[in-house]
């Protein structure tokens, strides 16, 4: 499922934040296992937390869908 529209970031804003975070990581010498958490934190900082809110909304939406699917499977099996 996509991020709910009211929580989604404009694609150009996301791309700019990611590009900037990658450039900043490169300049800081961040590599390997440290890179992903560093990038996520930097993107969150660059978007004033909007990326965290969008990711959280996506997780909630996915969990909601998984619950609906599970309930439908149980219903169809007659359990």
Protein backbone atom coordinates (compact mmCIF):
# COMPACT_ATOMS: atom_id res chain seq x y z
CA UNK A 1 0.00 0.00 0.00
CA UNK A 2 1.23 3.52 -0.61
CA UNK A 3 1.69 6.12 2.09
CA UNK A 4 -1.67 7.80 2.81
CA UNK A 5 -1.95 10.98 0.75
CA UNK A 6 -2.26 13.19 3.82
CA UNK A 7 1.07 11.86 5.15
CA UNK A 8 2.98 11.52 1.88
CA UNK A 9 5.85 13.81 1.00
CA UNK A 10 6.11 15.41 -2.43
CA UNK A 11 8.43 13.27 -4.58
CA UNK A 12 10.71 16.19 -5.39
CA UNK A 13 11.12 16.95 -1.66
CA UNK A 14 11.99 13.33 -0.91
CA UNK A 15 14.47 13.15 -3.79
CA UNK A 16 16.15 16.39 -2.69
CA UNK A 17 16.43 15.20 0.92
CA UNK A 18 17.82 11.81 -0.10
CA UNK A 19 20.31 13.37 -2.53
CA UNK A 20 21.46 15.81 0.13
CA UNK A 21 21.73 13.07 2.76
CA UNK A 22 23.81 10.90 0.41
CA UNK A 23 26.12 13.82 -0.35
CA UNK A 24 26.44 14.62 3.35
CA UNK A 25 27.22 10.98 4.18
CA UNK A 26 29.86 10.87 1.49
CA UNK A 27 31.43 14.09 2.76
CA UNK A 28 31.41 12.74 6.33
CA UNK A 29 32.91 9.40 5.27
CA UNK A 30 29.89 7.41 6.47
CA UNK A 31 29.96 3.92 4.97
CA UNK A 32 29.07 0.29 5.56
CA UNK A 33 26.68 -0.72 8.31
CA UNK A 34 26.51 2.85 9.60
CA UNK A 35 25.18 4.25 6.32
CA UNK A 36 21.49 3.25 6.36
CA UNK A 37 20.66 4.44 9.89
CA UNK A 38 22.66 7.61 9.28
CA UNK A 39 20.79 8.32 6.03
CA UNK A 40 17.41 7.69 7.64
CA UNK A 41 18.23 10.05 10.49
CA UNK A 42 19.58 12.70 8.12
CA UNK A 43 16.51 12.51 5.85
CA UNK A 44 14.29 12.83 8.95
CA UNK A 45 16.27 15.90 9.97
CA UNK A 46 16.11 17.43 6.48
CA UNK A 47 12.33 16.88 6.27
CA UNK A 48 11.65 18.13 9.81
CA UNK A 49 10.39 14.67 10.78
CA UNK A 50 7.95 14.34 7.87
CA UNK A 51 9.76 11.24 6.59
CA UNK A 52 9.27 9.53 9.96
CA UNK A 53 5.57 10.41 9.98
CA UNK A 54 5.21 9.10 6.41
CA UNK A 55 7.03 5.84 7.24
CA UNK A 56 4.93 5.37 10.38
CA UNK A 57 1.73 5.94 8.41
CA UNK A 58 2.91 3.38 5.85
CA UNK A 59 3.58 0.80 8.58
CA UNK A 60 0.15 1.39 10.12
CA UNK A 61 -1.53 1.10 6.72
CA UNK A 62 0.33 -2.14 5.98
CA UNK A 63 -0.64 -3.58 9.37
CA UNK A 64 -4.27 -2.60 8.77
CA UNK A 65 -4.25 -4.36 5.40
CA UNK A 66 -2.58 -7.44 6.89
CA UNK A 67 -5.30 -7.58 9.54
CA UNK A 68 -8.04 -7.35 6.94
CA UNK A 69 -6.42 -10.08 4.85
CA UNK A 70 -6.04 -12.34 7.87
CA UNK A 71 -9.68 -11.80 8.87
CA UNK A 72 -10.83 -12.58 5.33
CA UNK A 73 -8.75 -15.77 5.22
CA UNK A 74 -10.27 -16.91 8.51
CA UNK A 75 -13.76 -16.06 7.25
CA UNK A 76 -13.23 -18.03 4.03
CA UNK A 77 -11.94 -21.06 5.90
CA UNK A 78 -14.92 -20.98 8.21
CA UNK A 79 -12.81 -20.93 11.33
